């Protein structure tokens, strides 16, 4: 009389609960065949540990940032710092390579070219045709 392996109940060696034999899975962490409930529990624990570790790292970063700031640092100072950083990122990226000649990077297309200040050439980006200084 053939029996269906799904109807055979087997006791899990890890947790001691009974489950259908066909639902057992070989797990790389436990290094044995375990029931589906053990797999779910392990995955939940891993997610919780990852979240806790991430929160601890975030708290550590915040404390480190607070230590870097001088006493009296407030929201207004943070806003000014962000505004200054944004302004600096939008500034014209010009590097002098020789007297009167500058290496320029277009803020729109990021194309690099040489600008001659004596002749004011090129007056636009050679790649995207954007006027310099816009």
C-alpha atoms as a PDB file:
ATOM      1  CA  UNK A   1       0.000   0.000   0.000  1.00  0.00           C
ATOM      2  CA  UNK A   2       1.774   3.160  -1.184  1.00  0.00           C
ATOM      3  CA  UNK A   3       1.669   6.107   1.191  1.00  0.00           C
ATOM      4  CA  UNK A   4       1.907   9.768   0.379  1.00  0.00           C
ATOM      5  CA  UNK A   5       5.027  11.338   1.901  1.00  0.00           C
ATOM      6  CA  UNK A   6       2.994  14.503   2.581  1.00  0.00           C
ATOM      7  CA  UNK A   7       0.878  12.691   5.124  1.00  0.00           C
ATOM      8  CA  UNK A   8       3.860  11.395   7.122  1.00  0.00           C
ATOM      9  CA  UNK A   9       4.557  13.620  10.110  1.00  0.00           C
ATOM     10  CA  UNK A  10       8.182  14.005  11.175  1.00  0.00           C
ATOM     11  CA  UNK A  11       9.603  15.660  14.272  1.00  0.00           C
ATOM     12  CA  UNK A  12      11.992  18.567  13.604  1.00  0.00           C
ATOM     13  CA  UNK A  13      15.424  18.076  15.205  1.00  0.00           C
ATOM     14  CA  UNK A  14      15.827  21.812  15.759  1.00  0.00           C
ATOM     15  CA  UNK A  15      12.561  22.861  17.426  1.00  0.00           C
ATOM     16  CA  UNK A  16      10.864  19.533  18.189  1.00  0.00           C
ATOM     17  CA  UNK A  17       7.633  20.390  16.372  1.00  0.00           C
ATOM     18  CA  UNK A  18       6.007  17.983  13.948  1.00  0.00           C
ATOM     19  CA  UNK A  19       5.491  18.862  10.302  1.00  0.00           C
ATOM     20  CA  UNK A  20       4.824  17.060   7.024  1.00  0.00           C
ATOM     21  CA  UNK A  21       7.905  15.275   5.710  1.00  0.00           C
ATOM     22  CA  UNK A  22       7.573  16.890   2.289  1.00  0.00           C
ATOM     23  CA  UNK A  23       7.794  20.402   3.780  1.00  0.00           C
ATOM     24  CA  UNK A  24      11.233  19.967   5.395  1.00  0.00           C
ATOM     25  CA  UNK A  25      14.090  21.956   3.870  1.00  0.00           C
ATOM     26  CA  UNK A  26      17.883  21.704   4.083  1.00  0.00           C
ATOM     27  CA  UNK A  27      19.041  24.930   5.723  1.00  0.00           C
ATOM     28  CA  UNK A  28      22.594  26.240   5.337  1.00  0.00           C
ATOM     29  CA  UNK A  29      22.599  28.023   8.709  1.00  0.00           C
ATOM     30  CA  UNK A  30      21.381  25.104  10.814  1.00  0.00           C
ATOM     31  CA  UNK A  31      23.285  22.643   8.584  1.00  0.00           C
ATOM     32  CA  UNK A  32      20.463  20.146   8.740  1.00  0.00           C
ATOM     33  CA  UNK A  33      16.974  19.515   7.446  1.00  0.00           C
ATOM     34  CA  UNK A  34      14.489  21.659   9.388  1.00  0.00           C
ATOM     35  CA  UNK A  35      10.782  22.427   9.333  1.00  0.00           C
ATOM     36  CA  UNK A  36       9.375  25.500   7.533  1.00  0.00           C
ATOM     37  CA  UNK A  37       8.637  27.216  10.851  1.00  0.00           C
ATOM     38  CA  UNK A  38      12.326  27.147  11.798  1.00  0.00           C
ATOM     39  CA  UNK A  39      13.196  28.758   8.460  1.00  0.00           C
ATOM     40  CA  UNK A  40      10.597  31.517   8.978  1.00  0.00           C
ATOM     41  CA  UNK A  41      11.789  32.166  12.531  1.00  0.00           C
ATOM     42  CA  UNK A  42      15.427  32.400  11.418  1.00  0.00           C
ATOM     43  CA  UNK A  43      14.560  34.833   8.612  1.00  0.00           C
ATOM     44  CA  UNK A  44      12.552  37.027  11.003  1.00  0.00           C
ATOM     45  CA  UNK A  45      15.476  37.108  13.448  1.00  0.00           C
ATOM     46  CA  UNK A  46      17.865  38.095  10.660  1.00  0.00           C
ATOM     47  CA  UNK A  47      15.598  40.961   9.581  1.00  0.00           C
ATOM     48  CA  UNK A  48      15.266  42.176  13.172  1.00  0.00           C
ATOM     49  CA  UNK A  49      19.039  42.024  13.690  1.00  0.00           C
ATOM     50  CA  UNK A  50      19.665  43.953  10.461  1.00  0.00           C
ATOM     51  CA  UNK A  51      17.185  46.656  11.482  1.00  0.00           C
ATOM     52  CA  UNK A  52      18.675  46.923  14.980  1.00  0.00           C
ATOM     53  CA  UNK A  53      22.186  47.153  13.542  1.00  0.00           C
ATOM     54  CA  UNK A  54      21.098  49.853  11.073  1.00  0.00           C
ATOM     55  CA  UNK A  55      19.428  51.857  13.852  1.00  0.00           C
ATOM     56  CA  UNK A  56      22.566  51.586  15.994  1.00  0.00           C
ATOM     57  CA  UNK A  57      24.693  52.821  13.080  1.00  0.00           C
ATOM     58  CA  UNK A  58      22.296  55.722  12.482  1.00  0.00           C
ATOM     59  CA  UNK A  59      22.408  56.726  16.147  1.00  0.00           C
ATOM     60  CA  UNK A  60      26.206  56.515  16.092  1.00  0.00           C
ATOM     61  CA  UNK A  61      26.359  58.737  12.995  1.00  0.00           C
ATOM     62  CA  UNK A  62      24.019  61.284  14.580  1.00  0.00           C
ATOM     63  CA  UNK A  63      26.088  61.381  17.765  1.00  0.00           C
ATOM     64  CA  UNK A  64      29.249  61.800  15.715  1.00  0.00           C
ATOM     65  CA  UNK A  65      27.670  64.681  13.785  1.00  0.00           C
ATOM     66  CA  UNK A  66      26.613  66.319  17.050  1.00  0.00           C
ATOM     67  CA  UNK A  67      30.159  66.055  18.388  1.00  0.00           C
ATOM     68  CA  UNK A  68      31.496  67.796  15.275  1.00  0.00           C
ATOM     69  CA  UNK A  69      29.150  70.765  15.692  1.00  0.00           C
ATOM     70  CA  UNK A  70      30.032  73.622  17.997  1.00  0.00           C
ATOM     71  CA  UNK A  71      27.830  74.525  20.945  1.00  0.00           C
ATOM     72  CA  UNK A  72      24.761  76.517  19.907  1.00  0.00           C
ATOM     73  CA  UNK A  73      24.398  74.784  16.523  1.00  0.00           C
ATOM     74  CA  UNK A  74      20.754  74.877  15.471  1.00  0.00           C
ATOM     75  CA  UNK A  75      18.356  74.396  12.548  1.00  0.00           C
ATOM     76  CA  UNK A  76      19.219  77.720  11.008  1.00  0.00           C
ATOM     77  CA  UNK A  77      22.890  76.782  10.884  1.00  0.00           C
ATOM     78  CA  UNK A  78      22.042  73.450   9.258  1.00  0.00           C
ATOM     79  CA  UNK A  79      19.954  75.248   6.621  1.00  0.00           C
ATOM     80  CA  UNK A  80      22.771  77.689   5.899  1.00  0.00           C
ATOM     81  CA  UNK A  81      25.255  74.843   5.613  1.00  0.00           C
ATOM     82  CA  UNK A  82      23.032  72.978   3.092  1.00  0.00           C
ATOM     83  CA  UNK A  83      22.403  76.179   1.110  1.00  0.00           C
ATOM     84  CA  UNK A  84      26.131  76.898   0.938  1.00  0.00           C
ATOM     85  CA  UNK A  85      26.902  73.332  -0.190  1.00  0.00           C
ATOM     86  CA  UNK A  86      24.245  73.614  -2.914  1.00  0.00           C
ATOM     87  CA  UNK A  87      25.644  76.949  -4.047  1.00  0.00           C
ATOM     88  CA  UNK A  88      29.170  75.514  -4.187  1.00  0.00           C
ATOM     89  CA  UNK A  89      28.001  72.535  -6.246  1.00  0.00           C
ATOM     90  CA  UNK A  90      26.360  74.910  -8.755  1.00  0.00           C
ATOM     91  CA  UNK A  91      29.433  77.179  -8.945  1.00  0.00           C
ATOM     92  CA  UNK A  92      31.373  77.336 -12.190  1.00  0.00           C
ATOM     93  CA  UNK A  93      34.050  74.618 -12.102  1.00  0.00           C
ATOM     94  CA  UNK A  94      37.040  76.525 -13.508  1.00  0.00           C
ATOM     95  CA  UNK A  95      40.698  75.499 -13.108  1.00  0.00           C
ATOM     96  CA  UNK A  96      43.542  77.672 -14.443  1.00  0.00           C
ATOM     97  CA  UNK A  97      45.972  75.622 -16.533  1.00  0.00           C
ATOM     98  CA  UNK A  98      48.117  78.485 -17.855  1.00  0.00           C
ATOM     99  CA  UNK A  99      47.942  82.294 -17.761  1.00  0.00           C
ATOM    100  CA  UNK A 100      44.733  83.286 -19.518  1.00  0.00           C
ATOM    101  CA  UNK A 101      43.588  79.700 -20.211  1.00  0.00           C
ATOM    102  CA  UNK A 102      41.195  77.785 -18.014  1.00  0.00           C
ATOM    103  CA  UNK A 103      39.877  74.237 -17.966  1.00  0.00           C
ATOM    104  CA  UNK A 104      36.110  74.567 -17.765  1.00  0.00           C
ATOM    105  CA  UNK A 105      33.397  71.946 -17.189  1.00  0.00           C
ATOM    106  CA  UNK A 106      29.898  72.680 -18.443  1.00  0.00           C
ATOM    107  CA  UNK A 107      27.404  72.394 -15.555  1.00  0.00           C
ATOM    108  CA  UNK A 108      24.675  71.166 -17.886  1.00  0.00           C
ATOM    109  CA  UNK A 109      26.357  68.395 -19.907  1.00  0.00           C
ATOM    110  CA  UNK A 110      29.612  67.984 -17.909  1.00  0.00           C
ATOM    111  CA  UNK A 111      31.719  68.398 -21.077  1.00  0.00           C
ATOM    112  CA  UNK A 112      35.290  69.567 -20.387  1.00  0.00           C
ATOM    113  CA  UNK A 113      36.983  72.118 -22.615  1.00  0.00           C
ATOM    114  CA  UNK A 114      39.550  74.908 -22.495  1.00  0.00           C
ATOM    115  CA  UNK A 115      38.372  78.535 -22.263  1.00  0.00           C
ATOM    116  CA  UNK A 116      40.671  81.351 -23.434  1.00  0.00           C
ATOM    117  CA  UNK A 117      40.051  84.482 -21.406  1.00  0.00           C
ATOM    118  CA  UNK A 118      42.051  86.774 -23.722  1.00  0.00           C
ATOM    119  CA  UNK A 119      39.848  86.028 -26.745  1.00  0.00           C
ATOM    120  CA  UNK A 120      36.749  84.950 -24.762  1.00  0.00           C
ATOM    121  CA  UNK A 121      36.478  81.773 -26.808  1.00  0.00           C
ATOM    122  CA  UNK A 122      34.460  79.684 -26.835  1.00  0.00           C
ATOM    123  CA  UNK A 123      31.531  81.769 -25.618  1.00  0.00           C
ATOM    124  CA  UNK A 124      29.246  78.705 -25.459  1.00  0.00           C
ATOM    125  CA  UNK A 125      29.767  75.059 -24.608  1.00  0.00           C
ATOM    126  CA  UNK A 126      31.003  73.279 -27.762  1.00  0.00           C
ATOM    127  CA  UNK A 127      28.928  70.224 -26.903  1.00  0.00           C
ATOM    128  CA  UNK A 128      25.513  71.489 -25.750  1.00  0.00           C
ATOM    129  CA  UNK A 129      25.657  75.138 -26.914  1.00  0.00           C
ATOM    130  CA  UNK A 130      24.892  76.508 -23.451  1.00  0.00           C
ATOM    131  CA  UNK A 131      26.192  80.047 -22.806  1.00  0.00           C
ATOM    132  CA  UNK A 132      29.021  80.242 -20.278  1.00  0.00           C
ATOM    133  CA  UNK A 133      28.044  81.707 -16.942  1.00  0.00           C
ATOM    134  CA  UNK A 134      24.345  80.752 -17.145  1.00  0.00           C
END
